[in-house]
Structure formats: C-alpha cells, structure tokens
C-alpha cells in the first residue's frame, strides 16, 4: 500500500524559508502571494494490507523521525 506523510510547521512557528520563498515570488512578478509556509512530503510504499496497522506504524515513524512534533504537525494519507 502507498502512504503520503505531509509535515508542516505549527501555527506560530517562524518560517524563514517560507518568508524567503514569498519574497522571491514577489521579486519574480507574483505580487498576489500573501504568505508562504513551507513543509515536506514523504511518499512511502508499505508491505501488507492492514490499514490501521499501517496508520499506527506511520504515526510512530513521524513521532520518532519524520517530524519534530514540538514544532511540526503531520498528516497521513493511505491508499491501496
């Protein structure tokens, strides 16, 4: 089965990379961009067919490695 984990900064956490991207977009002629928040995406292929077991395993992966849960949120999507 396939899974996608999206990790984003929590609200209120400063995002200097997002601010740099926002400034660059405006400099490239895209003045309508009000704000940019950057994040990261992980695409994983998992063995097995138990969706709940996969969700549990993915949550553990996020808490231990993929996301810094002090400053980041994560969302998990699973498809077959």
N, C-alpha and C. Protein backbone atom coordinates (compact mmCIF):
# COMPACT_ATOMS: atom_id res chain seq x y z
N UNK A 1 0.84 -1.17 0.00
CA UNK A 1 0.00 0.00 0.00
C UNK A 1 0.88 1.23 0.00
N UNK A 2 0.32 2.34 -0.45
CA UNK A 2 1.07 3.58 -0.54
C UNK A 2 0.61 4.54 0.56
N UNK A 3 1.54 5.34 1.03
CA UNK A 3 1.21 6.33 2.05
C UNK A 3 1.93 7.62 1.73
N UNK A 4 1.30 8.70 2.09
CA UNK A 4 1.92 10.02 1.97
C UNK A 4 1.82 10.70 3.33
N UNK A 5 2.96 11.16 3.81
CA UNK A 5 3.03 11.90 5.06
C UNK A 5 3.40 13.34 4.72
N UNK A 6 2.58 14.27 5.14
CA UNK A 6 2.84 15.69 4.93
C UNK A 6 3.17 16.32 6.27
N UNK A 7 4.32 16.97 6.33
CA UNK A 7 4.79 17.60 7.57
C UNK A 7 4.82 19.11 7.35
N UNK A 8 4.18 19.84 8.24
CA UNK A 8 4.16 21.30 8.15
C UNK A 8 4.47 21.90 9.52
N UNK A 9 4.95 23.13 9.50
CA UNK A 9 5.22 23.83 10.74
C UNK A 9 3.91 24.18 11.44
N UNK A 10 3.91 24.13 12.76
CA UNK A 10 2.74 24.52 13.52
C UNK A 10 2.53 26.02 13.39
N UNK A 11 1.29 26.44 13.57
CA UNK A 11 0.97 27.87 13.54
C UNK A 11 1.77 28.57 14.63
N UNK A 12 2.29 29.73 14.30
CA UNK A 12 3.05 30.50 15.27
C UNK A 12 4.55 30.24 15.24
N UNK A 13 4.96 29.16 14.56
CA UNK A 13 6.39 28.87 14.43
C UNK A 13 6.93 29.68 13.25
N UNK A 14 8.01 30.41 13.49
CA UNK A 14 8.60 31.20 12.42
C UNK A 14 9.07 30.31 11.27
N UNK A 15 8.89 30.79 10.05
CA UNK A 15 9.25 30.02 8.85
C UNK A 15 10.12 30.88 7.94
N UNK A 16 11.43 31.00 8.25
CA UNK A 16 12.28 31.85 7.43
C UNK A 16 12.38 31.39 5.98
N UNK A 17 12.34 30.08 5.75
CA UNK A 17 12.40 29.59 4.37
C UNK A 17 11.13 30.01 3.62
N UNK A 18 9.99 29.89 4.26
CA UNK A 18 8.74 30.34 3.64
C UNK A 18 8.76 31.82 3.32
N UNK A 19 9.33 32.61 4.25
CA UNK A 19 9.43 34.05 4.03
C UNK A 19 10.35 34.36 2.85
N UNK A 20 11.45 33.61 2.73
CA UNK A 20 12.37 33.82 1.60
C UNK A 20 11.70 33.47 0.28
N UNK A 21 10.92 32.38 0.28
CA UNK A 21 10.20 31.98 -0.93
C UNK A 21 9.18 33.06 -1.30
N UNK A 22 8.47 33.55 -0.30
CA UNK A 22 7.48 34.62 -0.54
C UNK A 22 8.14 35.84 -1.16
N UNK A 23 9.27 36.25 -0.61
CA UNK A 23 9.98 37.41 -1.16
C UNK A 23 10.46 37.16 -2.58
N UNK A 24 10.94 35.95 -2.85
CA UNK A 24 11.41 35.62 -4.20
C UNK A 24 10.27 35.61 -5.20
N UNK A 25 9.12 35.07 -4.79
CA UNK A 25 7.97 35.06 -5.69
C UNK A 25 7.54 36.48 -6.05
N UNK A 26 7.52 37.34 -5.04
CA UNK A 26 7.17 38.75 -5.31
C UNK A 26 8.19 39.39 -6.25
N UNK A 27 9.48 39.05 -6.02
CA UNK A 27 10.54 39.58 -6.88
C UNK A 27 10.45 39.07 -8.31
N UNK A 28 9.84 37.91 -8.50
CA UNK A 28 9.68 37.33 -9.84
C UNK A 28 8.39 37.79 -10.52
N UNK A 29 7.68 38.69 -9.87
CA UNK A 29 6.49 39.25 -10.51
C UNK A 29 5.19 38.59 -10.10
N UNK A 30 5.14 37.97 -8.94
CA UNK A 30 3.91 37.37 -8.43
C UNK A 30 3.47 38.13 -7.17
N UNK A 31 2.95 39.34 -7.34
CA UNK A 31 2.65 40.20 -6.18
C UNK A 31 1.45 39.75 -5.36
N UNK A 32 0.63 38.86 -5.86
CA UNK A 32 -0.58 38.46 -5.15
C UNK A 32 -0.35 37.41 -4.07
N UNK A 33 0.89 37.00 -3.83
CA UNK A 33 1.18 36.00 -2.81
C UNK A 33 1.24 36.69 -1.45
N UNK A 34 0.30 36.35 -0.57
CA UNK A 34 0.22 37.00 0.73
C UNK A 34 1.11 36.32 1.77
N UNK A 35 1.29 35.00 1.64
CA UNK A 35 2.06 34.28 2.65
C UNK A 35 2.46 32.92 2.09
N UNK A 36 3.63 32.44 2.50
CA UNK A 36 4.10 31.11 2.11
C UNK A 36 4.57 30.38 3.37
N UNK A 37 4.12 29.16 3.55
CA UNK A 37 4.61 28.28 4.61
C UNK A 37 5.15 27.05 3.90
N UNK A 38 6.36 26.66 4.19
CA UNK A 38 6.96 25.51 3.53
C UNK A 38 6.82 24.28 4.43
N UNK A 39 6.91 23.12 3.81
CA UNK A 39 6.82 21.86 4.53
C UNK A 39 7.57 20.79 3.77
N UNK A 40 7.27 19.54 4.11
CA UNK A 40 7.91 18.44 3.39
C UNK A 40 6.91 17.30 3.24
N UNK A 41 7.13 16.49 2.19
CA UNK A 41 6.25 15.37 1.89
C UNK A 41 7.09 14.11 1.76
N UNK A 42 6.62 13.03 2.39
CA UNK A 42 7.27 11.72 2.29
C UNK A 42 6.28 10.76 1.63
N UNK A 43 6.69 10.13 0.53
CA UNK A 43 5.89 9.09 -0.11
C UNK A 43 6.52 7.75 0.25
N UNK A 44 5.73 6.87 0.83
CA UNK A 44 6.23 5.56 1.27
C UNK A 44 5.41 4.46 0.64
N UNK A 45 6.04 3.32 0.39
CA UNK A 45 5.35 2.11 -0.03
C UNK A 45 5.52 1.11 1.10
N UNK A 46 4.41 0.63 1.64
CA UNK A 46 4.43 -0.27 2.78
C UNK A 46 3.94 -1.65 2.37
N UNK A 47 4.52 -2.67 2.97
CA UNK A 47 4.05 -4.03 2.75
C UNK A 47 2.84 -4.29 3.64
N UNK A 48 1.98 -5.19 3.20
CA UNK A 48 0.82 -5.55 4.00
C UNK A 48 -0.44 -4.87 3.50
N UNK A 49 -1.57 -5.24 4.11
CA UNK A 49 -2.87 -4.71 3.69
C UNK A 49 -3.69 -4.14 4.85
N UNK A 50 -3.18 -4.22 6.06
CA UNK A 50 -3.90 -3.74 7.25
C UNK A 50 -3.71 -2.23 7.38
N UNK A 51 -4.74 -1.47 7.04
CA UNK A 51 -4.65 -0.01 7.02
C UNK A 51 -4.43 0.55 8.42
N UNK A 52 -5.11 0.01 9.41
CA UNK A 52 -4.95 0.53 10.78
C UNK A 52 -3.56 0.25 11.32
N UNK A 53 -2.99 -0.91 11.01
CA UNK A 53 -1.62 -1.22 11.43
C UNK A 53 -0.64 -0.28 10.73
N UNK A 54 -0.89 -0.01 9.47
CA UNK A 54 -0.03 0.91 8.71
C UNK A 54 -0.12 2.31 9.31
N UNK A 55 -1.32 2.76 9.63
CA UNK A 55 -1.50 4.09 10.21
C UNK A 55 -0.75 4.19 11.55
N UNK A 56 -0.84 3.16 12.35
CA UNK A 56 -0.14 3.14 13.62
C UNK A 56 1.38 3.19 13.42
N UNK A 57 1.86 2.41 12.48
CA UNK A 57 3.29 2.39 12.18
C UNK A 57 3.76 3.74 11.64
N UNK A 58 2.99 4.34 10.77
CA UNK A 58 3.34 5.64 10.21
C UNK A 58 3.35 6.73 11.29
N UNK A 59 2.39 6.68 12.19
CA UNK A 59 2.37 7.63 13.30
C UNK A 59 3.63 7.52 14.13
N UNK A 60 4.04 6.29 14.40
CA UNK A 60 5.27 6.06 15.15
C UNK A 60 6.48 6.59 14.40
N UNK A 61 6.52 6.36 13.08
CA UNK A 61 7.62 6.89 12.25
C UNK A 61 7.70 8.40 12.35
N UNK A 62 6.54 9.05 12.30
CA UNK A 62 6.50 10.51 12.37
C UNK A 62 6.98 11.00 13.72
N UNK A 63 6.52 10.36 14.78
CA UNK A 63 6.88 10.79 16.12
C UNK A 63 8.35 10.56 16.43
N UNK A 64 8.95 9.55 15.81
CA UNK A 64 10.35 9.20 16.10
C UNK A 64 11.35 9.83 15.13
N UNK A 65 10.94 10.11 13.88
CA UNK A 65 11.93 10.55 12.90
C UNK A 65 11.44 11.61 11.91
N UNK A 66 10.29 11.38 11.30
CA UNK A 66 9.90 12.20 10.16
C UNK A 66 9.48 13.62 10.52
N UNK A 67 8.97 13.81 11.73
CA UNK A 67 8.51 15.14 12.14
C UNK A 67 9.08 15.49 13.51
N UNK A 68 9.38 16.76 13.69
CA UNK A 68 9.74 17.26 15.01
C UNK A 68 8.43 17.74 15.63
N UNK A 69 7.81 16.90 16.44
CA UNK A 69 6.45 17.17 16.91
C UNK A 69 6.36 18.36 17.86
N UNK A 70 7.48 18.91 18.28
CA UNK A 70 7.46 20.12 19.09
C UNK A 70 7.04 21.30 18.23
N UNK A 71 7.51 21.34 16.98
CA UNK A 71 7.24 22.50 16.12
C UNK A 71 6.51 22.14 14.82
N UNK A 72 6.28 20.84 14.58
CA UNK A 72 5.66 20.42 13.32
C UNK A 72 4.43 19.56 13.55
N UNK A 73 3.47 19.69 12.64
CA UNK A 73 2.30 18.80 12.56
C UNK A 73 2.54 17.82 11.41
N UNK A 74 1.84 16.70 11.45
CA UNK A 74 1.91 15.77 10.32
C UNK A 74 0.53 15.24 10.01
N UNK A 75 0.34 14.91 8.73
CA UNK A 75 -0.91 14.31 8.26
C UNK A 75 -0.56 13.07 7.46
N UNK A 76 -1.34 12.03 7.63
CA UNK A 76 -1.09 10.75 6.97
C UNK A 76 -2.24 10.43 6.02
N UNK A 77 -1.91 10.09 4.79
CA UNK A 77 -2.87 9.62 3.79
C UNK A 77 -2.44 8.23 3.34
N UNK A 78 -3.36 7.28 3.31
CA UNK A 78 -3.04 5.92 2.90
C UNK A 78 -3.95 5.53 1.74
N UNK A 79 -3.35 4.92 0.70
CA UNK A 79 -4.13 4.41 -0.43
C UNK A 79 -3.60 3.03 -0.80
N UNK A 80 -4.43 2.29 -1.47
CA UNK A 80 -4.03 0.92 -1.87
C UNK A 80 -3.42 0.91 -3.24
